[in-house]
Amino acid sequence: MYEVIEHKVWKHTNGRTASLYGSVPYLSAEEKLNWKVETVGFTVRNNRTNTVGIGRKPWATKAEAEAWLNSHQ
């Protein structure tokens, strides 16, 4: 039902972040140059409902996320 996936966010050169699952955080091609997608940890996706995350910060390592997954299946 769940699978471990990378937790990715949009990250601005000044350190701001934005969700990957909303609209893009820039309004122009020029602004787009300041944003890139970065992996910032690991989370889980529910493949039945296609939802991502479980209401907590992402785990730092894939092993930590897999340990949670193994204890909840």
Protein backbone atom coordinates (compact mmCIF):
# COMPACT_ATOMS: atom_id res chain seq x y z
CA MET A 1 0.00 0.00 0.00
CA TYR A 2 2.77 2.50 0.91
CA GLU A 3 6.09 3.00 -0.81
CA VAL A 4 9.11 5.08 0.17
CA ILE A 5 9.81 8.00 -2.18
CA GLU A 6 12.15 10.98 -2.22
CA HIS A 7 10.68 14.12 -0.66
CA LYS A 8 11.30 16.92 -3.14
CA VAL A 9 10.63 20.65 -2.89
CA TRP A 10 11.16 23.71 -5.01
CA LYS A 11 14.13 25.63 -3.54
CA HIS A 12 15.00 29.27 -4.28
CA THR A 13 18.58 30.53 -4.33
CA ASN A 14 17.77 32.57 -1.19
CA GLY A 15 16.71 29.42 0.71
CA ARG A 16 12.91 29.69 0.46
CA THR A 17 11.05 26.49 -0.34
CA ALA A 18 7.71 25.67 -1.93
CA SER A 19 5.73 22.46 -2.28
CA LEU A 20 6.25 20.41 -5.39
CA TYR A 21 2.54 19.53 -5.35
CA GLY A 22 1.13 23.04 -5.76
CA SER A 23 1.55 25.53 -8.54
CA VAL A 24 5.04 26.53 -9.62
CA PRO A 25 6.56 29.21 -7.37
CA TYR A 26 7.68 31.54 -10.17
CA LEU A 27 5.81 33.88 -12.48
CA SER A 28 8.29 34.36 -15.31
CA ALA A 29 11.09 32.62 -17.17
CA GLU A 30 13.53 34.99 -15.46
CA GLU A 31 12.28 34.05 -11.97
CA LYS A 32 12.41 30.36 -12.91
CA LEU A 33 16.21 30.60 -13.07
CA ASN A 34 16.26 31.12 -9.28
CA TRP A 35 14.27 27.96 -8.50
CA LYS A 36 15.26 24.29 -8.72
CA VAL A 37 13.81 21.02 -7.47
CA GLU A 38 15.80 19.44 -4.64
CA THR A 39 15.50 16.22 -2.68
CA VAL A 40 15.33 17.02 1.05
CA GLY A 41 14.65 13.62 2.57
CA PHE A 42 12.29 10.68 2.21
CA THR A 43 8.59 10.21 2.75
CA VAL A 44 5.91 7.68 1.83
CA ARG A 45 3.20 7.58 -0.82
CA ASN A 46 -0.07 5.71 -0.37
CA ASN A 47 -0.58 3.98 -3.71
CA ARG A 48 -4.28 3.30 -3.05
CA THR A 49 -5.17 6.95 -2.55
CA ASN A 50 -2.17 8.50 -4.35
CA THR A 51 -1.46 10.75 -1.37
CA VAL A 52 2.06 11.73 -0.32
CA GLY A 53 3.28 12.05 3.25
CA ILE A 54 1.76 11.19 6.61
CA GLY A 55 1.61 14.60 8.28
CA ARG A 56 5.17 14.72 9.56
CA LYS A 57 8.52 16.05 8.38
CA PRO A 58 10.34 13.78 5.95
CA TRP A 59 12.90 11.32 7.25
CA ALA A 60 16.54 12.21 6.66
CA THR A 61 17.43 8.82 5.22
CA LYS A 62 15.72 6.18 3.14
CA ALA A 63 16.54 3.61 5.83
CA GLU A 64 14.55 5.58 8.44
CA ALA A 65 11.55 5.80 6.11
CA GLU A 66 11.77 2.09 5.32
CA ALA A 67 11.94 1.27 9.05
CA TRP A 68 8.68 3.19 9.61
CA LEU A 69 7.14 1.49 6.59
CA ASN A 70 8.14 -1.98 7.80
CA SER A 71 6.57 -1.32 11.21
CA HIS A 72 3.27 -0.08 9.72
CA GLN A 73 2.41 -2.70 7.11
